Amino acid sequence: MLYDAPPDDATLASIEDVHLWAPHEDPLHELPELIARLPSLIHLSIGPGAILPSLVDGLRADMLPASLRHLSLHPEQGTYTWNAGPMPRLEALTVDAMLRFEPEAFPALISLSAIPDRRGVLLDRALRLPLRELNLWNVPFDSSVFDRIAEMPLLALGLLGGRTLKTLSGIEQLAGLRSLRLKNQGMLQTIRPVAALPHLERLDIQYCTRIGDIDVLGALPALQELTLVGCGNVGLGDLEHTLRAGLRRTNIAATQ
């Protein structure tokens, strides 16, 4: 087969995951037409890299195969508005920007990762989605965020970056949580309310150096997996040995 020969149908049908990237000296100007010809494509990631804004801004649903379930976008701009039209089968959307969208575009979406706006418009619209997972970057809210999302039947929550969250008070409203990620929450001091989450199996805390009640980790009945990295001297002490012995998986580093 020639090196530059067009791929045959069998090859196209076998592709499930595509990541689009381009070097700065040769930026990507438009979405390859080949993408729409991938009948089994499940995961598509566009950027980061030299992806021209016009490509992401000009994205249309009819450029993407109906099989697509997971879409990840990395726009250069700080705000991204979804104008591509309805994606009735999309299950997971990641946008590395402040996202604006209409809920009607994603009736089947169960996982959303994005940067929220300060007014909370993204959260208000997300309430109209069947979400099971929500990841927020650069969180601009205090513990009132839990009141805002209390009606979501979430199984997984990530609060990744921010300097306004001091306590997890209110998280008990998310009683169905099985997974919680906390990262770079520079002001977070109180995590004890996680003890009120009876189904919490996975807890991931990274670079949260002001936690004052780390002993609560010994009082989580369903916990099976723990990541505790870069939290400094938070008083872990002998509890580390107990956690390592009792949990199915632990990753404890740069924390004591």
C-alpha atoms as a PDB file:
ATOM      1  CA  MET A   1       0.000   0.000   0.000  1.00  0.00           C
ATOM      2  CA  LEU A   2       1.335   3.466  -0.888  1.00  0.00           C
ATOM      3  CA  TYR A   3       2.320   5.668   2.045  1.00  0.00           C
ATOM      4  CA  ASP A   4      -0.150   8.406   1.070  1.00  0.00           C
ATOM      5  CA  ALA A   5      -2.911   6.137  -0.210  1.00  0.00           C
ATOM      6  CA  PRO A   6      -6.381   6.906   1.174  1.00  0.00           C
ATOM      7  CA  PRO A   7      -7.365   4.589   4.039  1.00  0.00           C
ATOM      8  CA  ASP A   8      -9.740   1.769   3.218  1.00  0.00           C
ATOM      9  CA  ASP A   9     -13.198   1.428   4.790  1.00  0.00           C
ATOM     10  CA  ALA A  10     -12.092  -1.299   7.180  1.00  0.00           C
ATOM     11  CA  THR A  11      -9.336   0.933   8.573  1.00  0.00           C
ATOM     12  CA  LEU A  12     -11.703   3.869   8.967  1.00  0.00           C
ATOM     13  CA  ALA A  13     -14.234   1.665  10.745  1.00  0.00           C
ATOM     14  CA  SER A  14     -11.629   0.537  13.298  1.00  0.00           C
ATOM     15  CA  ILE A  15     -10.771   4.052  14.557  1.00  0.00           C
ATOM     16  CA  GLU A  16     -12.413   4.955  17.861  1.00  0.00           C
ATOM     17  CA  ASP A  17     -10.132   7.682  19.250  1.00  0.00           C
ATOM     18  CA  VAL A  18      -8.695  10.753  17.482  1.00  0.00           C
ATOM     19  CA  HIS A  19      -6.589  13.600  18.845  1.00  0.00           C
ATOM     20  CA  LEU A  20      -5.997  16.604  16.590  1.00  0.00           C
ATOM     21  CA  TRP A  21      -2.782  18.554  17.217  1.00  0.00           C
ATOM     22  CA  ALA A  22      -0.553  20.709  15.072  1.00  0.00           C
ATOM     23  CA  PRO A  23       2.869  22.373  15.581  1.00  0.00           C
ATOM     24  CA  HIS A  24       3.121  26.166  15.611  1.00  0.00           C
ATOM     25  CA  GLU A  25       4.942  26.223  12.296  1.00  0.00           C
ATOM     26  CA  ASP A  26       2.091  24.368  10.584  1.00  0.00           C
ATOM     27  CA  PRO A  27      -1.230  25.268  12.251  1.00  0.00           C
ATOM     28  CA  LEU A  28      -4.443  23.393  11.577  1.00  0.00           C
ATOM     29  CA  HIS A  29      -6.881  25.613   9.659  1.00  0.00           C
ATOM     30  CA  GLU A  30      -9.909  23.367   9.315  1.00  0.00           C
ATOM     31  CA  LEU A  31     -11.356  20.137  10.599  1.00  0.00           C
ATOM     32  CA  PRO A  32     -10.235  17.256   8.368  1.00  0.00           C
ATOM     33  CA  GLU A  33     -13.144  15.947   6.317  1.00  0.00           C
ATOM     34  CA  LEU A  34     -11.954  12.465   7.209  1.00  0.00           C
ATOM     35  CA  ILE A  35     -13.371  12.894  10.742  1.00  0.00           C
ATOM     36  CA  ALA A  36     -16.944  12.669   9.465  1.00  0.00           C
ATOM     37  CA  ARG A  37     -16.072   9.391   7.708  1.00  0.00           C
ATOM     38  CA  LEU A  38     -15.157   7.539  10.896  1.00  0.00           C
ATOM     39  CA  PRO A  39     -18.276   5.492  11.695  1.00  0.00           C
ATOM     40  CA  SER A  40     -16.934   4.118  14.993  1.00  0.00           C
ATOM     41  CA  LEU A  41     -15.356   7.276  16.394  1.00  0.00           C
ATOM     42  CA  ILE A  42     -16.128   7.633  20.111  1.00  0.00           C
ATOM     43  CA  HIS A  43     -13.498  10.075  21.424  1.00  0.00           C
ATOM     44  CA  LEU A  44     -12.393  13.282  19.671  1.00  0.00           C
ATOM     45  CA  SER A  45      -9.975  15.813  21.146  1.00  0.00           C
ATOM     46  CA  ILE A  46      -9.171  19.061  19.335  1.00  0.00           C
ATOM     47  CA  GLY A  47      -6.089  20.859  20.692  1.00  0.00           C
ATOM     48  CA  PRO A  48      -4.205  22.147  22.472  1.00  0.00           C
ATOM     49  CA  GLY A  49      -1.617  23.091  19.902  1.00  0.00           C
ATOM     50  CA  ALA A  50      -1.660  25.308  16.854  1.00  0.00           C
ATOM     51  CA  ILE A  51      -5.379  25.022  16.190  1.00  0.00           C
ATOM     52  CA  LEU A  52      -6.734  28.212  14.631  1.00  0.00           C
ATOM     53  CA  PRO A  53      -9.690  29.735  16.526  1.00  0.00           C
ATOM     54  CA  SER A  54     -11.736  29.696  13.335  1.00  0.00           C
ATOM     55  CA  LEU A  55     -11.661  25.883  13.357  1.00  0.00           C
ATOM     56  CA  VAL A  56     -13.152  25.572  16.830  1.00  0.00           C
ATOM     57  CA  ASP A  57     -15.537  28.492  16.363  1.00  0.00           C
ATOM     58  CA  GLY A  58     -16.709  27.097  13.036  1.00  0.00           C
ATOM     59  CA  LEU A  59     -17.351  23.600  14.307  1.00  0.00           C
ATOM     60  CA  ARG A  60     -20.714  22.139  13.232  1.00  0.00           C
ATOM     61  CA  ALA A  61     -22.428  18.999  14.429  1.00  0.00           C
ATOM     62  CA  ASP A  62     -22.732  17.687  10.877  1.00  0.00           C
ATOM     63  CA  MET A  63     -18.922  17.642  10.633  1.00  0.00           C
ATOM     64  CA  LEU A  64     -18.844  14.919  13.293  1.00  0.00           C
ATOM     65  CA  PRO A  65     -19.951  11.286  13.069  1.00  0.00           C
ATOM     66  CA  ALA A  66     -23.104  10.202  14.879  1.00  0.00           C
ATOM     67  CA  SER A  67     -21.040   7.662  16.834  1.00  0.00           C
ATOM     68  CA  LEU A  68     -19.187  10.396  18.767  1.00  0.00           C
ATOM     69  CA  ARG A  69     -19.737  10.220  22.522  1.00  0.00           C
ATOM     70  CA  HIS A  70     -16.837  12.186  24.050  1.00  0.00           C
ATOM     71  CA  LEU A  71     -15.648  15.582  22.763  1.00  0.00           C
ATOM     72  CA  SER A  72     -12.763  17.649  24.176  1.00  0.00           C
ATOM     73  CA  LEU A  73     -12.060  21.203  22.970  1.00  0.00           C
ATOM     74  CA  HIS A  74      -9.174  23.497  23.870  1.00  0.00           C
ATOM     75  CA  PRO A  75      -9.994  26.957  22.502  1.00  0.00           C
ATOM     76  CA  GLU A  76      -7.403  29.724  22.620  1.00  0.00           C
ATOM     77  CA  GLN A  77      -9.963  32.288  23.792  1.00  0.00           C
ATOM     78  CA  GLY A  78     -11.040  32.567  27.417  1.00  0.00           C
ATOM     79  CA  THR A  79     -14.701  32.086  26.530  1.00  0.00           C
ATOM     80  CA  TYR A  80     -16.252  29.590  24.144  1.00  0.00           C
ATOM     81  CA  THR A  81     -19.846  29.609  22.931  1.00  0.00           C
ATOM     82  CA  TRP A  82     -21.246  26.377  21.518  1.00  0.00           C
ATOM     83  CA  ASN A  83     -22.860  27.251  18.181  1.00  0.00           C
ATOM     84  CA  ALA A  84     -22.354  23.901  16.466  1.00  0.00           C
ATOM     85  CA  GLY A  85     -25.940  22.726  16.824  1.00  0.00           C
ATOM     86  CA  PRO A  86     -27.484  19.786  18.681  1.00  0.00           C
ATOM     87  CA  MET A  87     -25.402  16.754  19.625  1.00  0.00           C
ATOM     88  CA  PRO A  88     -28.158  14.397  20.784  1.00  0.00           C
ATOM     89  CA  ARG A  89     -25.843  11.445  21.500  1.00  0.00           C
ATOM     90  CA  LEU A  90     -22.894  13.218  23.091  1.00  0.00           C
ATOM     91  CA  GLU A  91     -22.251  11.936  26.609  1.00  0.00           C
ATOM     92  CA  ALA A  92     -19.104  13.809  27.705  1.00  0.00           C
ATOM     93  CA  LEU A  93     -17.957  17.346  26.901  1.00  0.00           C
ATOM     94  CA  THR A  94     -14.713  18.994  28.012  1.00  0.00           C
ATOM     95  CA  VAL A  95     -14.063  22.643  27.142  1.00  0.00           C
ATOM     96  CA  ASP A  96     -10.907  24.283  28.462  1.00  0.00           C
ATOM     97  CA  ALA A  97     -12.550  27.709  28.567  1.00  0.00           C
ATOM     98  CA  MET A  98     -15.492  29.539  30.085  1.00  0.00           C
ATOM     99  CA  LEU A  99     -18.364  27.749  28.376  1.00  0.00           C
ATOM    100  CA  ARG A 100     -21.636  29.147  27.124  1.00  0.00           C
ATOM    101  CA  PHE A 101     -24.236  26.735  25.779  1.00  0.00           C
ATOM    102  CA  GLU A 102     -27.919  25.919  25.553  1.00  0.00           C
ATOM    103  CA  PRO A 103     -28.927  22.721  27.375  1.00  0.00           C
ATOM    104  CA  GLU A 104     -31.052  21.621  24.420  1.00  0.00           C
ATOM    105  CA  ALA A 105     -27.841  20.994  22.472  1.00  0.00           C
ATOM    106  CA  PHE A 106     -26.797  18.133  24.779  1.00  0.00           C
ATOM    107  CA  PRO A 107     -29.847  16.140  25.921  1.00  0.00           C
ATOM    108  CA  ALA A 108     -27.779  13.013  26.714  1.00  0.00           C
ATOM    109  CA  LEU A 109     -24.772  14.685  28.373  1.00  0.00           C
ATOM    110  CA  ILE A 110     -23.707  12.937  31.583  1.00  0.00           C
ATOM    111  CA  SER A 111     -20.201  14.428  32.013  1.00  0.00           C
ATOM    112  CA  LEU A 112     -19.255  18.109  31.757  1.00  0.00           C
ATOM    113  CA  SER A 113     -15.860  19.729  32.402  1.00  0.00           C
ATOM    114  CA  ALA A 114     -15.449  23.491  31.933  1.00  0.00           C
ATOM    115  CA  ILE A 115     -14.594  26.829  33.534  1.00  0.00           C
ATOM    116  CA  PRO A 116     -17.676  28.356  35.201  1.00  0.00           C
ATOM    117  CA  ASP A 117     -18.605  32.034  34.992  1.00  0.00           C
ATOM    118  CA  ARG A 118     -18.863  34.054  38.204  1.00  0.00           C
ATOM    119  CA  ARG A 119     -22.608  34.562  37.838  1.00  0.00           C
ATOM    120  CA  GLY A 120     -23.188  30.825  37.765  1.00  0.00           C
ATOM    121  CA  VAL A 121     -25.000  30.757  34.424  1.00  0.00           C
ATOM    122  CA  LEU A 122     -23.136  27.590  33.435  1.00  0.00           C
ATOM    123  CA  LEU A 123     -24.309  25.853  36.614  1.00  0.00           C
ATOM    124  CA  ASP A 124     -27.900  26.988  36.123  1.00  0.00           C
ATOM    125  CA  ARG A 125     -27.935  25.539  32.619  1.00  0.00           C
ATOM    126  CA  ALA A 126     -26.134  22.395  33.697  1.00  0.00           C
ATOM    127  CA  LEU A 127     -29.030  21.729  36.075  1.00  0.00           C
ATOM    128  CA  ARG A 128     -31.110  20.969  32.997  1.00  0.00           C
ATOM    129  CA  LEU A 129     -28.749  18.189  31.882  1.00  0.00           C
ATOM    130  CA  PRO A 130     -28.726  14.548  33.079  1.00  0.00           C
ATOM    131  CA  LEU A 131     -25.228  14.984  34.511  1.00  0.00           C
ATOM    132  CA  ARG A 132     -23.537  12.329  36.608  1.00  0.00           C
ATOM    133  CA  GLU A 133     -20.087  13.972  36.540  1.00  0.00           C
ATOM    134  CA  LEU A 134     -19.141  17.649  36.837  1.00  0.00           C
ATOM    135  CA  ASN A 135     -15.613  19.079  36.816  1.00  0.00           C
ATOM    136  CA  LEU A 136     -15.075  22.810  37.357  1.00  0.00           C
ATOM    137  CA  TRP A 137     -11.774  24.621  36.820  1.00  0.00           C
ATOM    138  CA  ASN A 138     -10.880  27.977  38.395  1.00  0.00           C
ATOM    139  CA  VAL A 139     -13.860  27.753  40.731  1.00  0.00           C
ATOM    140  CA  PRO A 140     -15.024  31.301  41.564  1.00  0.00           C
ATOM    141  CA  PHE A 141     -17.486  30.237  44.304  1.00  0.00           C
ATOM    142  CA  ASP A 142     -17.333  29.570  48.027  1.00  0.00           C
ATOM    143  CA  SER A 143     -19.251  26.681  49.606  1.00  0.00           C
ATOM    144  CA  SER A 144     -22.443  28.083  48.081  1.00  0.00           C
ATOM    145  CA  VAL A 145     -21.454  26.057  45.016  1.00  0.00           C
ATOM    146  CA  PHE A 146     -22.938  22.996  46.729  1.00  0.00           C
ATOM    147  CA  ASP A 147     -26.305  24.717  47.122  1.00  0.00           C
ATOM    148  CA  ARG A 148     -26.234  25.584  43.423  1.00  0.00           C
ATOM    149  CA  ILE A 149     -25.671  21.984  42.307  1.00  0.00           C
ATOM    150  CA  ALA A 150     -27.556  20.164  45.066  1.00  0.00           C
ATOM    151  CA  GLU A 151     -30.280  18.985  42.667  1.00  0.00           C
ATOM    152  CA  MET A 152     -27.812  17.292  40.330  1.00  0.00           C
ATOM    153  CA  PRO A 153     -27.695  13.493  40.777  1.00  0.00           C
ATOM    154  CA  LEU A 154     -23.900  13.558  40.641  1.00  0.00           C
ATOM    155  CA  LEU A 155     -21.708  10.528  41.131  1.00  0.00           C
ATOM    156  CA  ALA A 156     -18.434  12.413  40.537  1.00  0.00           C
ATOM    157  CA  LEU A 157     -17.392  15.999  41.276  1.00  0.00           C
ATOM    158  CA  GLY A 158     -14.130  17.822  40.659  1.00  0.00           C
ATOM    159  CA  LEU A 159     -13.295  21.313  41.984  1.00  0.00           C
ATOM    160  CA  LEU A 160      -9.967  22.065  40.353  1.00  0.00           C
ATOM    161  CA  GLY A 161      -8.367  25.399  41.147  1.00  0.00           C
ATOM    162  CA  GLY A 162      -9.659  28.401  43.057  1.00  0.00           C
ATOM    163  CA  ARG A 163      -9.086  30.638  46.064  1.00  0.00           C
ATOM    164  CA  THR A 164     -12.603  31.161  47.431  1.00  0.00           C
ATOM    165  CA  LEU A 165     -13.559  27.733  48.783  1.00  0.00           C
ATOM    166  CA  LYS A 166     -12.748  27.498  52.504  1.00  0.00           C
ATOM    167  CA  THR A 167     -15.047  24.705  53.614  1.00  0.00           C
ATOM    168  CA  LEU A 168     -16.873  21.748  52.117  1.00  0.00           C
ATOM    169  CA  SER A 169     -19.918  22.540  54.232  1.00  0.00           C
ATOM    170  CA  GLY A 170     -22.964  21.793  52.114  1.00  0.00           C
ATOM    171  CA  ILE A 171     -21.419  18.941  50.151  1.00  0.00           C
ATOM    172  CA  GLU A 172     -23.555  16.558  52.198  1.00  0.00           C
ATOM    173  CA  GLN A 173     -26.411  17.556  49.877  1.00  0.00           C
ATOM    174  CA  LEU A 174     -24.672  15.491  47.187  1.00  0.00           C
ATOM    175  CA  ALA A 175     -25.319  12.256  49.036  1.00  0.00           C
ATOM    176  CA  GLY A 176     -24.811  10.068  45.959  1.00  0.00           C
ATOM    177  CA  LEU A 177     -21.192  11.098  45.333  1.00  0.00           C
ATOM    178  CA  ARG A 178     -18.812   8.217  44.742  1.00  0.00           C
ATOM    179  CA  SER A 179     -15.816  10.255  43.573  1.00  0.00           C
ATOM    180  CA  LEU A 180     -14.491  13.660  44.691  1.00  0.00           C
ATOM    181  CA  ARG A 181     -11.465  15.540  43.351  1.00  0.00           C
ATOM    182  CA  LEU A 182     -10.065  18.668  45.007  1.00  0.00           C
ATOM    183  CA  LYS A 183      -7.022  20.326  43.485  1.00  0.00           C
ATOM    184  CA  ASN A 184      -5.245  23.648  43.995  1.00  0.00           C
ATOM    185  CA  GLN A 185      -7.868  24.932  46.411  1.00  0.00           C
ATOM    186  CA  GLY A 186      -5.544  27.366  48.126  1.00  0.00           C
ATOM    187  CA  MET A 187      -7.928  28.487  50.894  1.00  0.00           C
ATOM    188  CA  LEU A 188      -9.612  25.169  51.713  1.00  0.00           C
ATOM    189  CA  GLN A 189      -9.439  24.451  55.453  1.00  0.00           C
ATOM    190  CA  THR A 190     -12.392  22.234  56.337  1.00  0.00           C
ATOM    191  CA  ILE A 191     -13.149  18.927  54.613  1.00  0.00           C
ATOM    192  CA  ARG A 192     -14.956  17.171  57.487  1.00  0.00           C
ATOM    193  CA  PRO A 193     -18.371  17.311  55.764  1.00  0.00           C
ATOM    194  CA  VAL A 194     -17.196  14.504  53.435  1.00  0.00           C
ATOM    195  CA  ALA A 195     -17.929  12.167  56.342  1.00  0.00           C
ATOM    196  CA  ALA A 196     -21.612  12.652  55.483  1.00  0.00           C
ATOM    197  CA  LEU A 197     -21.132  11.060  52.031  1.00  0.00           C
ATOM    198  CA  PRO A 198     -21.997   7.397  52.632  1.00  0.00           C
ATOM    199  CA  HIS A 199     -21.042   6.166  49.149  1.00  0.00           C
ATOM    200  CA  LEU A 200     -17.750   8.030  48.651  1.00  0.00           C
ATOM    201  CA  GLU A 201     -15.284   5.494  47.242  1.00  0.00           C
ATOM    202  CA  ARG A 202     -12.594   7.681  45.625  1.00  0.00           C
ATOM    203  CA  LEU A 203     -11.100  10.825  47.120  1.00  0.00           C
ATOM    204  CA  ASP A 204      -8.370  12.778  45.332  1.00  0.00           C
ATOM    205  CA  ILE A 205      -6.890  15.808  47.125  1.00  0.00           C
ATOM    206  CA  GLN A 206      -3.916  17.592  45.587  1.00  0.00           C
ATOM    207  CA  TYR A 207      -2.096  20.787  46.551  1.00  0.00           C
ATOM    208  CA  CYS A 208      -4.542  21.866  49.240  1.00  0.00           C
ATOM    209  CA  THR A 209      -2.121  22.932  51.976  1.00  0.00           C
ATOM    210  CA  ARG A 210      -4.413  24.542  54.559  1.00  0.00           C
ATOM    211  CA  ILE A 211      -6.563  21.570  55.520  1.00  0.00           C
ATOM    212  CA  GLY A 212      -7.022  21.480  59.293  1.00  0.00           C
ATOM    213  CA  ASP A 213      -9.106  18.345  59.800  1.00  0.00           C
ATOM    214  CA  ILE A 214      -7.306  15.673  57.796  1.00  0.00           C
ATOM    215  CA  ASP A 215      -8.233  13.114  60.479  1.00  0.00           C
ATOM    216  CA  VAL A 216     -11.656  12.793  58.845  1.00  0.00           C
ATOM    217  CA  LEU A 217     -10.028  10.486  56.282  1.00  0.00           C
ATOM    218  CA  GLY A 218     -10.193   7.765  58.896  1.00  0.00           C
ATOM    219  CA  ALA A 219     -13.968   8.099  59.149  1.00  0.00           C
ATOM    220  CA  LEU A 220     -15.103   7.443  55.573  1.00  0.00           C
ATOM    221  CA  PRO A 221     -16.843   4.068  55.603  1.00  0.00           C
ATOM    222  CA  ALA A 222     -16.972   3.435  51.840  1.00  0.00           C
ATOM    223  CA  LEU A 223     -13.553   4.853  50.906  1.00  0.00           C
ATOM    224  CA  GLN A 224     -11.471   2.508  48.755  1.00  0.00           C
ATOM    225  CA  GLU A 225      -9.062   4.753  46.840  1.00  0.00           C
ATOM    226  CA  LEU A 226      -7.193   7.800  48.148  1.00  0.00           C
ATOM    227  CA  THR A 227      -4.844  10.246  46.467  1.00  0.00           C
ATOM    228  CA  LEU A 228      -3.232  12.786  48.793  1.00  0.00           C
ATOM    229  CA  VAL A 229      -0.451  14.671  47.038  1.00  0.00           C
ATOM    230  CA  GLY A 230       1.352  17.957  47.648  1.00  0.00           C
ATOM    231  CA  CYS A 231      -0.648  19.020  50.700  1.00  0.00           C
ATOM    232  CA  GLY A 232       2.376  19.628  52.929  1.00  0.00           C
ATOM    233  CA  ASN A 233       2.195  19.382  56.708  1.00  0.00           C
ATOM    234  CA  VAL A 234      -1.514  18.926  57.423  1.00  0.00           C
ATOM    235  CA  GLY A 235      -1.102  16.625  60.426  1.00  0.00           C
ATOM    236  CA  LEU A 236      -1.475  13.262  58.715  1.00  0.00           C
ATOM    237  CA  GLY A 237       0.926  11.524  61.105  1.00  0.00           C
ATOM    238  CA  ASP A 238       0.202   7.902  61.992  1.00  0.00           C
ATOM    239  CA  LEU A 239      -3.067   8.012  60.064  1.00  0.00           C
ATOM    240  CA  GLU A 240      -1.030   7.437  56.897  1.00  0.00           C
ATOM    241  CA  HIS A 241      -0.152   3.913  58.004  1.00  0.00           C
ATOM    242  CA  THR A 242      -3.798   3.159  58.810  1.00  0.00           C
ATOM    243  CA  LEU A 243      -4.943   4.391  55.418  1.00  0.00           C
ATOM    244  CA  ARG A 244      -2.283   2.487  53.501  1.00  0.00           C
ATOM    245  CA  ALA A 245      -3.175  -0.719  55.328  1.00  0.00           C
ATOM    246  CA  GLY A 246      -6.935  -0.381  55.043  1.00  0.00           C
ATOM    247  CA  LEU A 247      -7.593   0.994  51.565  1.00  0.00           C
ATOM    248  CA  ARG A 248      -7.469  -0.801  48.234  1.00  0.00           C
ATOM    249  CA  ARG A 249      -5.280   1.896  46.663  1.00  0.00           C
ATOM    250  CA  THR A 250      -3.374   4.842  48.094  1.00  0.00           C
ATOM    251  CA  ASN A 251      -1.117   7.487  46.579  1.00  0.00           C
ATOM    252  CA  ILE A 252       0.272   9.646  49.364  1.00  0.00           C
ATOM    253  CA  ALA A 253       3.183  11.945  48.553  1.00  0.00           C
ATOM    254  CA  ALA A 254       4.573  15.288  49.763  1.00  0.00           C
ATOM    255  CA  THR A 255       1.979  15.209  52.549  1.00  0.00           C
ATOM    256  CA  GLN A 256       2.526  14.570  56.225  1.00  0.00           C
END
